[in-house]
Amino acid sequence: MENKVLLIYTGGTIGMKENPDTLLLEPFDFTQILQEVPELRKFGFEVDTISFDPLIDSSDVRPEFWVSLAEIIRDRYDDYLGFVILHGTDTMAYSASALSFMLENLEKPVILTGSQLPIGMLRTDGKENLIDSLELAAARDPEGHPYVCEVCIYFETALFRGNRTTKYSAENFSAFRSPNYPHLAEVGTHIRYNNQALYRPEKWGKPLLLHTRLDTSVAVVRVFPGLSEKYLHSVLSSEGLRAVVLETYGSGNAPSHPWFLSALSEFTSRGGLVLNITQCPTGSVDMGTYATGDSLRRAGVVCGGDMTTEAAIAKLFVLLGQYSDNKTVGIKLEIGVSGEIS
């Protein structure tokens, strides 16, 4: 393994610069990254680049894109200290969550970052996010192991566990938050690692395993006052649907109407999966606290703990792709795979 980090540009605001003739924002050639960010020459490691062609607006991200990213990392896994992925912010948390489940036995940093302003603009947050992410991806502890061995998001001085993160702001430089898990590192004049929060392998040297068979037969139902029986039945009767992410109130509560519970019970009795996660940014589902939560449990609903919506969807895609038996998937949903659940 050489002293190099791989920078993967997929698209997004960070890779844009203003055309001096048209004044329009256009993606620049990332093979010329040293011209745009000459500070990278001061690193004690090399930075190689790969750009997606065509570039992808993060609003257009699909599971096939995650497979491509995972395969790039697999094919170059032994050649680099770590990987930095430049990605649009809108679906960054989805991509980070998906990669965290797709890259089993990961022992190197995979850091997604981006920016709220293009890298060519005077007040851009892109340069700082890029430079800090590259430094984090190359960092090694005194024993020569990476400080970071998981899929992360880095934004505005904070390193987050990818599958614990959600986009919080469309305007602030602090665009992401991880409400149920502490920062993995804080970057200021020094990098301060939160060793208690960082994942560390029990045994180093396991081979990287890829899970690229994804099953997207998943729907999301957000509970709200006035949710109609007709709408819920139309979702649950969708052809080929295997699982539903149910976004409930508070600690996992939902309507106690007989038709609501009956619809869920009928779906689970047919072999469907319902995963209960909370709408609240902070907190966890506990279906044993209130009677309404217990009614969901008796209807066959699975507890999602404190998983984010992004992590719940991505985890289902991967597990459904691995197992044709929904009963097995239901058991594994409640077991932490890559730090996505407390």
Protein backbone atom coordinates (compact mmCIF):
# COMPACT_ATOMS: atom_id res chain seq x y z
CA MET A 1 0.00 0.00 0.00
CA GLU A 2 1.42 3.34 -1.05
CA ASN A 3 1.18 6.61 0.87
CA LYS A 4 -1.88 7.79 -1.07
CA VAL A 5 -5.53 8.72 -0.61
CA LEU A 6 -8.12 8.27 -3.35
CA LEU A 7 -10.44 11.23 -3.98
CA ILE A 8 -13.67 10.23 -5.75
CA TYR A 9 -15.72 13.05 -7.24
CA THR A 10 -19.30 12.03 -7.94
CA GLY A 11 -20.86 15.47 -8.42
CA GLY A 12 -22.39 18.10 -6.20
CA THR A 13 -21.83 21.74 -5.33
CA ILE A 14 -18.25 21.32 -4.12
CA GLY A 15 -16.93 20.57 -7.62
CA MET A 16 -18.35 23.66 -9.28
CA LYS A 17 -16.64 26.89 -10.32
CA GLU A 18 -17.88 29.96 -12.10
CA ASN A 19 -17.29 30.23 -15.83
CA PRO A 20 -15.77 33.72 -16.29
CA ASP A 21 -17.52 34.14 -19.64
CA THR A 22 -21.04 32.93 -18.88
CA LEU A 23 -20.92 33.44 -15.06
CA LEU A 24 -22.63 30.05 -14.78
CA LEU A 25 -21.50 27.34 -12.37
CA GLU A 26 -19.84 24.43 -14.16
CA PRO A 27 -17.97 21.36 -12.89
CA PHE A 28 -14.20 21.65 -13.16
CA ASP A 29 -11.71 18.96 -14.16
CA PHE A 30 -10.71 17.17 -10.96
CA THR A 31 -7.45 16.02 -12.47
CA GLN A 32 -6.52 19.68 -11.98
CA ILE A 33 -7.43 19.66 -8.30
CA LEU A 34 -3.97 20.84 -7.26
CA GLN A 35 -4.48 24.02 -9.26
CA GLU A 36 -7.78 24.71 -7.51
CA VAL A 37 -6.56 23.71 -4.05
CA PRO A 38 -2.76 24.16 -4.03
CA GLU A 39 -2.74 23.54 -0.26
CA LEU A 40 -2.93 19.83 -1.04
CA ARG A 41 0.73 19.92 -2.09
CA LYS A 42 1.65 20.43 1.57
CA PHE A 43 0.37 16.99 2.57
CA GLY A 44 2.88 14.23 3.18
CA PHE A 45 0.89 11.89 0.94
CA GLU A 46 -0.32 11.81 -2.64
CA VAL A 47 -3.91 12.38 -3.73
CA ASP A 48 -5.20 10.43 -6.73
CA THR A 49 -8.55 11.35 -8.28
CA ILE A 50 -11.43 9.61 -10.01
CA SER A 51 -14.42 11.48 -11.44
CA PHE A 52 -17.76 9.93 -12.31
CA ASP A 53 -18.76 10.38 -15.93
CA PRO A 54 -21.39 11.65 -16.14
CA LEU A 55 -21.41 13.49 -12.84
CA ILE A 56 -24.45 12.84 -10.67
CA ASP A 57 -26.73 15.38 -9.02
CA SER A 58 -27.27 13.90 -5.58
CA SER A 59 -31.05 14.20 -6.04
CA ASP A 60 -30.69 11.59 -8.80
CA VAL A 61 -28.77 9.07 -6.68
CA ARG A 62 -30.00 5.49 -7.05
CA PRO A 63 -28.81 2.20 -5.52
CA GLU A 64 -26.83 1.43 -8.69
CA PHE A 65 -24.66 4.43 -7.82
CA TRP A 66 -23.88 2.94 -4.40
CA VAL A 67 -22.85 -0.30 -6.06
CA SER A 68 -20.45 1.60 -8.33
CA LEU A 69 -18.91 3.39 -5.35
CA ALA A 70 -18.54 0.16 -3.37
CA GLU A 71 -16.86 -1.56 -6.31
CA ILE A 72 -14.40 1.32 -6.78
CA ILE A 73 -13.40 1.01 -3.12
CA ARG A 74 -13.12 -2.79 -3.35
CA ASP A 75 -10.99 -2.71 -6.49
CA ARG A 76 -8.56 -0.17 -4.99
CA TYR A 77 -8.81 -1.15 -1.35
CA ASP A 78 -5.22 -2.37 -1.00
CA ASP A 79 -3.70 0.60 -2.83
CA TYR A 80 -4.80 3.49 -0.62
CA LEU A 81 -4.69 4.65 2.98
CA GLY A 82 -8.30 5.77 2.72
CA PHE A 83 -11.01 7.18 0.50
CA VAL A 84 -12.72 10.57 0.29
CA ILE A 85 -15.97 10.81 -1.67
CA LEU A 86 -17.17 14.22 -2.84
CA HIS A 87 -20.95 14.06 -2.92
CA GLY A 88 -23.95 16.38 -3.07
CA THR A 89 -25.45 17.07 0.33
CA ASP A 90 -29.10 16.20 -0.37
CA THR A 91 -28.62 12.40 -0.30
CA MET A 92 -25.22 12.19 1.36
CA ALA A 93 -26.63 10.58 4.51
CA TYR A 94 -28.39 7.92 2.41
CA SER A 95 -25.18 7.10 0.55
CA ALA A 96 -23.10 7.00 3.73
CA SER A 97 -25.64 4.70 5.38
CA ALA A 98 -25.78 2.38 2.38
CA LEU A 99 -21.99 2.08 2.10
CA SER A 100 -21.73 1.34 5.82
CA PHE A 101 -23.83 -1.79 5.30
CA MET A 102 -22.38 -2.74 1.92
CA LEU A 103 -18.71 -2.65 3.02
CA GLU A 104 -18.39 -5.42 5.61
CA ASN A 105 -15.12 -5.70 7.58
CA LEU A 106 -14.10 -2.19 6.55
CA GLU A 107 -10.79 -1.27 8.19
CA LYS A 108 -10.05 1.99 6.38
CA PRO A 109 -11.69 5.41 6.35
CA VAL A 110 -14.36 6.14 3.76
CA ILE A 111 -15.28 9.79 4.26
CA LEU A 112 -18.05 11.58 2.39
CA THR A 113 -17.95 15.34 2.24
CA GLY A 114 -19.18 18.21 0.13
CA SER A 115 -20.02 21.86 0.55
CA GLN A 116 -22.81 24.39 0.64
CA LEU A 117 -20.90 26.77 -1.66
CA PRO A 118 -18.86 25.83 -4.76
CA ILE A 119 -15.13 25.40 -4.23
CA GLY A 120 -14.42 28.23 -6.66
CA MET A 121 -16.30 30.83 -4.61
CA LEU A 122 -14.51 33.18 -2.24
CA ARG A 123 -16.40 32.17 0.92
CA THR A 124 -16.60 28.47 0.08
CA ASP A 125 -16.70 25.88 2.82
CA GLY A 126 -15.53 23.33 0.25
CA LYS A 127 -11.78 23.80 0.61
CA GLU A 128 -11.80 23.32 4.37
CA ASN A 129 -14.07 20.28 4.16
CA LEU A 130 -11.91 18.73 1.43
CA ILE A 131 -8.57 19.37 3.14
CA ASP A 132 -9.77 18.15 6.53
CA SER A 133 -11.37 15.03 5.04
CA LEU A 134 -8.18 14.08 3.22
CA GLU A 135 -6.14 14.55 6.38
CA LEU A 136 -8.56 12.38 8.36
CA ALA A 137 -8.46 9.71 5.65
CA ALA A 138 -4.66 9.49 5.82
CA ALA A 139 -4.24 9.71 9.60
CA ARG A 140 -2.68 6.76 11.43
CA ASP A 141 -2.36 5.98 15.14
CA PRO A 142 1.01 5.21 16.80
CA GLU A 143 0.61 1.53 15.88
CA GLY A 144 0.14 2.37 12.22
CA HIS A 145 -3.59 1.64 12.10
CA PRO A 146 -6.13 4.16 10.79
CA TYR A 147 -7.81 6.27 13.43
CA VAL A 148 -11.01 5.94 11.41
CA CYS A 149 -12.18 2.52 10.20
CA GLU A 150 -15.72 3.22 9.05
CA VAL A 151 -17.93 5.18 6.67
CA CYS A 152 -18.24 8.77 7.85
CA ILE A 153 -19.50 12.19 6.89
CA TYR A 154 -17.28 15.19 7.49
CA PHE A 155 -18.74 18.68 7.52
CA GLU A 156 -17.79 21.97 9.17
CA THR A 157 -15.16 20.72 11.67
CA ALA A 158 -17.09 17.58 12.73
CA LEU A 159 -16.66 13.94 11.74
CA PHE A 160 -19.88 11.90 12.05
CA ARG A 161 -20.65 8.21 11.82
CA GLY A 162 -22.29 8.02 8.40
CA ASN A 163 -25.29 5.89 9.33
CA ARG A 164 -26.05 8.10 12.35
CA THR A 165 -26.20 11.30 10.35
CA THR A 166 -28.97 13.29 8.70
CA LYS A 167 -29.00 16.54 6.77
CA TYR A 168 -30.23 19.29 9.05
CA SER A 169 -29.84 22.56 7.14
CA ALA A 170 -30.09 23.61 3.51
CA GLU A 171 -28.23 26.88 4.17
CA ASN A 172 -25.87 26.68 7.14
CA PHE A 173 -22.32 25.44 6.73
CA SER A 174 -23.12 23.06 9.61
CA ALA A 175 -25.42 21.11 7.34
CA PHE A 176 -25.44 17.77 9.17
CA ARG A 177 -26.22 16.49 12.64
CA SER A 178 -25.93 13.20 14.45
CA PRO A 179 -28.47 13.58 17.26
CA ASN A 180 -28.18 10.11 18.79
CA TYR A 181 -24.43 9.52 18.53
CA PRO A 182 -21.45 11.71 19.45
CA HIS A 183 -18.98 13.15 16.94
CA LEU A 184 -16.14 10.81 16.02
CA ALA A 185 -13.69 13.68 15.82
CA GLU A 186 -13.56 17.47 16.11
CA VAL A 187 -11.20 19.46 13.90
CA GLY A 188 -9.80 22.74 15.17
CA THR A 189 -6.19 23.75 15.65
CA HIS A 190 -5.74 20.03 16.38
CA ILE A 191 -7.77 16.95 15.49
CA ARG A 192 -9.39 15.56 18.62
CA TYR A 193 -10.55 11.97 18.16
CA ASN A 194 -13.35 10.60 20.32
CA ASN A 195 -11.80 7.20 20.93
CA GLN A 196 -14.81 5.90 22.85
CA ALA A 197 -17.10 6.59 19.87
CA LEU A 198 -14.81 5.32 17.11
CA TYR A 199 -15.20 1.79 15.82
CA ARG A 200 -12.12 -0.43 16.24
CA PRO A 201 -11.87 -3.97 14.81
CA GLU A 202 -11.46 -6.74 17.36
CA LYS A 203 -8.95 -8.33 15.00
CA TRP A 204 -7.20 -6.55 12.13
CA GLY A 205 -6.75 -8.08 8.71
CA LYS A 206 -10.20 -9.38 7.83
CA PRO A 207 -10.92 -9.33 4.09
CA LEU A 208 -13.30 -6.66 2.82
CA LEU A 209 -16.66 -8.18 1.86
CA LEU A 210 -19.10 -6.47 -0.48
CA HIS A 211 -22.89 -6.70 -0.38
CA THR A 212 -24.02 -5.28 -3.70
CA ARG A 213 -27.26 -7.16 -4.19
CA LEU A 214 -29.86 -4.64 -3.07
CA ASP A 215 -33.61 -5.16 -2.89
CA THR A 216 -35.51 -1.87 -2.97
CA SER A 217 -38.97 -3.35 -2.30
CA VAL A 218 -39.42 -0.87 0.55
CA ALA A 219 -41.93 1.89 1.28
CA VAL A 220 -41.90 4.64 3.90
CA VAL A 221 -45.10 5.57 5.75
CA ARG A 222 -45.05 8.60 8.01
CA VAL A 223 -47.81 8.57 10.59
CA PHE A 224 -49.72 11.83 10.86
CA PRO A 225 -53.10 12.96 12.20
CA GLY A 226 -55.58 12.21 9.44
CA LEU A 227 -53.71 9.30 7.87
CA SER A 228 -56.43 7.53 5.91
CA GLU A 229 -57.29 3.86 5.80
CA LYS A 230 -57.47 4.01 2.01
CA TYR A 231 -53.96 5.42 1.70
CA LEU A 232 -52.42 2.90 4.08
CA HIS A 233 -54.11 -0.03 2.31
CA SER A 234 -52.91 1.25 -1.07
CA VAL A 235 -49.31 1.30 0.17
CA LEU A 236 -49.42 -2.07 1.91
CA SER A 237 -51.04 -3.73 -1.09
CA SER A 238 -48.36 -2.52 -3.52
CA GLU A 239 -47.18 -5.32 -5.75
CA GLY A 240 -43.88 -6.83 -4.63
CA LEU A 241 -43.62 -4.79 -1.44
CA ARG A 242 -41.55 -6.62 1.18
CA ALA A 243 -40.99 -4.03 3.90
CA VAL A 244 -42.26 -0.72 5.28
CA VAL A 245 -40.40 1.84 7.34
CA LEU A 246 -43.06 3.23 9.69
CA GLU A 247 -42.20 6.68 11.06
CA THR A 248 -44.15 6.94 14.29
CA TYR A 249 -44.62 9.51 17.04
CA GLY A 250 -42.39 9.90 20.08
CA SER A 251 -41.04 6.63 21.43
CA GLY A 252 -42.80 4.55 18.78
CA ASN A 253 -46.47 5.42 19.13
CA ALA A 254 -49.10 5.33 16.40
CA PRO A 255 -52.91 5.46 16.08
CA SER A 256 -54.81 2.80 17.98
CA HIS A 257 -57.64 2.66 15.42
CA PRO A 258 -58.64 -0.96 14.77
CA TRP A 259 -58.35 -0.49 10.99
CA PHE A 260 -54.76 0.79 11.36
CA LEU A 261 -53.57 -2.10 13.51
CA SER A 262 -55.51 -4.59 11.39
CA ALA A 263 -53.86 -3.35 8.20
CA LEU A 264 -50.39 -3.74 9.70
CA SER A 265 -51.23 -7.14 11.15
CA GLU A 266 -52.53 -8.38 7.81
CA PHE A 267 -49.37 -7.18 6.07
CA THR A 268 -47.03 -8.88 8.56
CA SER A 269 -49.12 -12.07 8.54
CA ARG A 270 -48.52 -12.22 4.77
CA GLY A 271 -44.79 -12.14 5.47
CA GLY A 272 -44.28 -8.38 5.15
CA LEU A 273 -41.93 -6.47 7.43
CA VAL A 274 -42.77 -3.25 9.28
CA LEU A 275 -39.88 -1.42 10.93
CA ASN A 276 -40.83 1.15 13.57
CA ILE A 277 -38.64 4.26 13.83
CA THR A 278 -39.41 7.58 15.48
CA GLN A 279 -40.08 10.87 13.70
CA CYS A 280 -38.19 12.65 16.48
CA PRO A 281 -34.62 13.61 15.59
CA THR A 282 -33.48 12.61 19.08
CA GLY A 283 -34.56 9.54 21.00
CA SER A 284 -35.45 5.94 20.42
CA VAL A 285 -38.40 3.65 19.80
CA ASP A 286 -39.50 1.67 22.85
CA MET A 287 -42.64 -0.30 22.07
CA GLY A 288 -42.99 -1.47 25.65
CA THR A 289 -43.56 1.97 27.20
CA TYR A 290 -47.07 2.84 26.02
CA ALA A 291 -50.08 0.73 25.10
CA THR A 292 -50.08 2.00 21.51
CA GLY A 293 -46.47 0.86 21.05
CA ASP A 294 -47.29 -2.53 22.53
CA SER A 295 -50.20 -2.85 20.10
CA LEU A 296 -47.75 -2.37 17.23
CA ARG A 297 -45.49 -5.06 18.65
CA ARG A 298 -48.43 -7.48 18.82
CA ALA A 299 -49.23 -6.62 15.19
CA GLY A 300 -45.80 -7.95 14.23
CA VAL A 301 -43.98 -4.61 13.95
CA VAL A 302 -40.19 -4.69 14.47
CA CYS A 303 -38.46 -2.15 16.74
CA GLY A 304 -36.00 0.13 14.94
CA GLY A 305 -34.50 1.66 18.08
CA ASP A 306 -32.82 4.98 17.29
CA MET A 307 -32.04 4.35 13.63
CA THR A 308 -32.38 7.27 11.27
CA THR A 309 -34.75 7.00 8.33
CA GLU A 310 -31.74 6.96 5.99
CA ALA A 311 -30.11 4.08 7.88
CA ALA A 312 -33.37 2.13 8.14
CA ILE A 313 -33.97 2.30 4.39
CA ALA A 314 -30.39 1.41 3.49
CA LYS A 315 -30.22 -1.45 5.97
CA LEU A 316 -33.42 -2.92 4.60
CA PHE A 317 -32.13 -2.67 1.01
CA VAL A 318 -29.00 -4.63 1.96
CA LEU A 319 -30.67 -7.24 4.18
CA LEU A 320 -33.50 -7.88 1.74
CA GLY A 321 -30.89 -8.32 -0.96
CA GLN A 322 -29.03 -10.86 1.15
CA TYR A 323 -31.98 -12.90 2.42
CA SER A 324 -35.12 -14.02 0.64
CA ASP A 325 -36.67 -14.98 3.99
CA ASN A 326 -38.24 -11.93 5.66
CA LYS A 327 -38.23 -13.67 9.03
CA THR A 328 -34.43 -13.70 8.96
CA VAL A 329 -34.36 -10.07 7.90
CA GLY A 330 -36.67 -9.14 10.78
CA ILE A 331 -34.33 -10.74 13.30
CA LYS A 332 -31.25 -9.04 11.87
CA LEU A 333 -32.94 -5.63 11.75
CA GLU A 334 -32.86 -5.42 15.53
CA ILE A 335 -29.16 -6.33 15.70
CA GLY A 336 -26.54 -3.62 15.17
CA VAL A 337 -24.46 -4.26 12.06
CA SER A 338 -22.20 -1.23 11.73
CA GLY A 339 -22.99 1.02 14.65
CA GLU A 340 -26.33 2.24 13.29
CA ILE A 341 -28.31 1.43 16.43
CA SER A 342 -27.62 1.92 20.13
